[in-house]
Amino acid sequence: MNKEKQTVSDYMGTLTEDAQAVMEETSTMAGEKIDKARKRLGAAMERGKEVYGQVRDKALDGVRVTDHAVRDHPYQVLGIAFGIGVLAGFLAARRRTATPNGSIPL
């Protein structure tokens, strides 16, 4: 998760830097449309920061809940993981034994 978090964080940083650069480049331009666009861009940046923070907080909450569940019930979690692995292996093996025309022999 740390790698994914870093990637999203880098993307948000780059997006913010680009938006700020656009706002700086247009600061010398006059006009009602430019002013409206700059205000909308500024508002969108603030809303994006809020949404990013909310998503980050919810993801961290999910990680904490999962961590507690795994720590509280380690054997049940291992059993569930094993069961899912067996099911995935069964389905993969069954798919490989399918005939060339796509039907599964009985």
C-alpha atoms as a PDB file:
ATOM      1  CA  MET A   1       0.000   0.000   0.000  1.00  0.00           C
ATOM      2  CA  ASN A   2       2.887   2.351   0.700  1.00  0.00           C
ATOM      3  CA  LYS A   3       3.941   2.257  -2.978  1.00  0.00           C
ATOM      4  CA  GLU A   4       0.388   3.011  -4.124  1.00  0.00           C
ATOM      5  CA  LYS A   5       0.083   5.783  -1.556  1.00  0.00           C
ATOM      6  CA  GLN A   6       3.337   7.308  -2.783  1.00  0.00           C
ATOM      7  CA  THR A   7       2.196   7.145  -6.411  1.00  0.00           C
ATOM      8  CA  VAL A   8      -1.139   8.845  -5.670  1.00  0.00           C
ATOM      9  CA  SER A   9       0.604  11.374  -3.477  1.00  0.00           C
ATOM     10  CA  ASP A  10       3.120  12.146  -6.231  1.00  0.00           C
ATOM     11  CA  TYR A  11       0.315  12.492  -8.768  1.00  0.00           C
ATOM     12  CA  MET A  12      -1.619  14.868  -6.539  1.00  0.00           C
ATOM     13  CA  GLY A  13       1.534  16.912  -5.935  1.00  0.00           C
ATOM     14  CA  THR A  14       2.264  17.169  -9.644  1.00  0.00           C
ATOM     15  CA  LEU A  15      -1.336  18.100 -10.398  1.00  0.00           C
ATOM     16  CA  THR A  16      -1.267  20.808  -7.735  1.00  0.00           C
ATOM     17  CA  GLU A  17       2.048  22.187  -8.998  1.00  0.00           C
ATOM     18  CA  ASP A  18       0.736  22.290 -12.587  1.00  0.00           C
ATOM     19  CA  ALA A  19      -2.460  24.034 -11.528  1.00  0.00           C
ATOM     20  CA  GLN A  20      -0.508  26.592  -9.526  1.00  0.00           C
ATOM     21  CA  ALA A  21       1.780  27.184 -12.511  1.00  0.00           C
ATOM     22  CA  VAL A  22      -1.245  27.811 -14.732  1.00  0.00           C
ATOM     23  CA  MET A  23      -2.637  30.258 -12.195  1.00  0.00           C
ATOM     24  CA  GLU A  24       0.698  32.105 -12.021  1.00  0.00           C
ATOM     25  CA  GLU A  25       1.040  32.239 -15.809  1.00  0.00           C
ATOM     26  CA  THR A  26      -2.437  33.703 -16.191  1.00  0.00           C
ATOM     27  CA  SER A  27      -2.056  36.189 -13.317  1.00  0.00           C
ATOM     28  CA  THR A  28      -0.885  38.935 -15.697  1.00  0.00           C
ATOM     29  CA  MET A  29      -3.732  38.358 -18.116  1.00  0.00           C
ATOM     30  CA  ALA A  30      -6.792  40.517 -17.739  1.00  0.00           C
ATOM     31  CA  GLY A  31     -10.328  39.643 -18.518  1.00  0.00           C
ATOM     32  CA  GLU A  32     -13.495  38.429 -16.909  1.00  0.00           C
ATOM     33  CA  LYS A  33     -13.229  34.945 -18.399  1.00  0.00           C
ATOM     34  CA  ILE A  34      -9.657  34.488 -17.157  1.00  0.00           C
ATOM     35  CA  ASP A  35     -10.663  35.616 -13.658  1.00  0.00           C
ATOM     36  CA  LYS A  36     -13.585  33.181 -13.610  1.00  0.00           C
ATOM     37  CA  ALA A  37     -11.379  30.350 -14.852  1.00  0.00           C
ATOM     38  CA  ARG A  38      -8.730  31.082 -12.216  1.00  0.00           C
ATOM     39  CA  LYS A  39     -11.365  31.127  -9.467  1.00  0.00           C
ATOM     40  CA  ARG A  40     -12.843  27.843 -10.682  1.00  0.00           C
ATOM     41  CA  LEU A  41      -9.385  26.275 -10.866  1.00  0.00           C
ATOM     42  CA  GLY A  42      -8.579  27.448  -7.343  1.00  0.00           C
ATOM     43  CA  ALA A  43     -11.872  26.070  -6.034  1.00  0.00           C
ATOM     44  CA  ALA A  44     -11.303  22.778  -7.854  1.00  0.00           C
ATOM     45  CA  MET A  45      -7.834  22.504  -6.317  1.00  0.00           C
ATOM     46  CA  GLU A  46      -9.213  23.043  -2.819  1.00  0.00           C
ATOM     47  CA  ARG A  47     -11.990  20.510  -3.383  1.00  0.00           C
ATOM     48  CA  GLY A  48      -9.450  18.031  -4.777  1.00  0.00           C
ATOM     49  CA  LYS A  49      -7.328  18.387  -1.653  1.00  0.00           C
ATOM     50  CA  GLU A  50     -10.388  17.768   0.524  1.00  0.00           C
ATOM     51  CA  VAL A  51     -11.438  14.691  -1.449  1.00  0.00           C
ATOM     52  CA  TYR A  52      -7.896  13.319  -1.427  1.00  0.00           C
ATOM     53  CA  GLY A  53      -7.762  13.732   2.347  1.00  0.00           C
ATOM     54  CA  GLN A  54     -11.122  12.007   2.802  1.00  0.00           C
ATOM     55  CA  VAL A  55     -10.155   9.085   0.569  1.00  0.00           C
ATOM     56  CA  ARG A  56      -6.815   8.736   2.325  1.00  0.00           C
ATOM     57  CA  ASP A  57      -8.503   8.737   5.745  1.00  0.00           C
ATOM     58  CA  LYS A  58     -11.072   6.118   4.689  1.00  0.00           C
ATOM     59  CA  ALA A  59      -8.364   3.901   3.228  1.00  0.00           C
ATOM     60  CA  LEU A  60      -6.347   4.136   6.433  1.00  0.00           C
ATOM     61  CA  ASP A  61      -9.461   3.306   8.467  1.00  0.00           C
ATOM     62  CA  GLY A  62      -9.994   0.223   6.305  1.00  0.00           C
ATOM     63  CA  VAL A  63      -6.395  -0.826   6.816  1.00  0.00           C
ATOM     64  CA  ARG A  64      -6.739  -0.432  10.583  1.00  0.00           C
ATOM     65  CA  VAL A  65      -9.960  -2.464  10.695  1.00  0.00           C
ATOM     66  CA  THR A  66      -8.404  -5.217   8.581  1.00  0.00           C
ATOM     67  CA  ASP A  67      -5.295  -5.242  10.741  1.00  0.00           C
ATOM     68  CA  HIS A  68      -7.367  -5.598  13.910  1.00  0.00           C
ATOM     69  CA  ALA A  69      -9.464  -8.380  12.378  1.00  0.00           C
ATOM     70  CA  VAL A  70      -6.357 -10.300  11.307  1.00  0.00           C
ATOM     71  CA  ARG A  71      -4.723  -9.849  14.707  1.00  0.00           C
ATOM     72  CA  ASP A  72      -7.896 -10.852  16.579  1.00  0.00           C
ATOM     73  CA  HIS A  73      -8.683 -13.906  14.394  1.00  0.00           C
ATOM     74  CA  PRO A  74      -5.460 -15.104  12.726  1.00  0.00           C
ATOM     75  CA  TYR A  75      -6.530 -18.751  12.230  1.00  0.00           C
ATOM     76  CA  GLN A  76      -9.865 -17.826  10.687  1.00  0.00           C
ATOM     77  CA  VAL A  77      -8.116 -15.442   8.295  1.00  0.00           C
ATOM     78  CA  LEU A  78      -5.628 -18.155   7.323  1.00  0.00           C
ATOM     79  CA  GLY A  79      -8.494 -20.582   6.736  1.00  0.00           C
ATOM     80  CA  ILE A  80     -10.341 -18.104   4.534  1.00  0.00           C
ATOM     81  CA  ALA A  81      -7.173 -17.301   2.568  1.00  0.00           C
ATOM     82  CA  PHE A  82      -6.467 -21.010   2.124  1.00  0.00           C
ATOM     83  CA  GLY A  83     -10.036 -21.629   0.942  1.00  0.00           C
ATOM     84  CA  ILE A  84      -9.864 -18.811  -1.586  1.00  0.00           C
ATOM     85  CA  GLY A  85      -6.506 -20.139  -2.833  1.00  0.00           C
ATOM     86  CA  VAL A  86      -7.914 -23.648  -3.254  1.00  0.00           C
ATOM     87  CA  LEU A  87     -10.952 -22.312  -5.109  1.00  0.00           C
ATOM     88  CA  ALA A  88      -8.790 -20.149  -7.403  1.00  0.00           C
ATOM     89  CA  GLY A  89      -6.468 -23.096  -8.072  1.00  0.00           C
ATOM     90  CA  PHE A  90      -9.413 -25.378  -8.851  1.00  0.00           C
ATOM     91  CA  LEU A  91     -10.912 -22.862 -11.272  1.00  0.00           C
ATOM     92  CA  ALA A  92      -7.550 -22.265 -12.973  1.00  0.00           C
ATOM     93  CA  ALA A  93      -6.909 -26.002 -13.342  1.00  0.00           C
ATOM     94  CA  ARG A  94     -10.406 -26.568 -14.674  1.00  0.00           C
ATOM     95  CA  ARG A  95      -9.954 -23.799 -17.209  1.00  0.00           C
ATOM     96  CA  ARG A  96      -6.720 -25.385 -18.488  1.00  0.00           C
ATOM     97  CA  THR A  97      -8.409 -28.734 -19.026  1.00  0.00           C
ATOM     98  CA  ALA A  98     -11.078 -27.216 -21.272  1.00  0.00           C
ATOM     99  CA  THR A  99     -11.190 -28.524 -24.824  1.00  0.00           C
ATOM    100  CA  PRO A 100     -10.016 -26.321 -27.722  1.00  0.00           C
ATOM    101  CA  ASN A 101     -13.576 -25.384 -28.703  1.00  0.00           C
ATOM    102  CA  GLY A 102     -14.190 -23.945 -25.215  1.00  0.00           C
ATOM    103  CA  SER A 103     -16.354 -26.709 -23.785  1.00  0.00           C
ATOM    104  CA  ILE A 104     -15.403 -28.472 -20.568  1.00  0.00           C
ATOM    105  CA  PRO A 105     -15.291 -32.274 -20.686  1.00  0.00           C
ATOM    106  CA  LEU A 106     -17.435 -34.049 -18.125  1.00  0.00           C
END
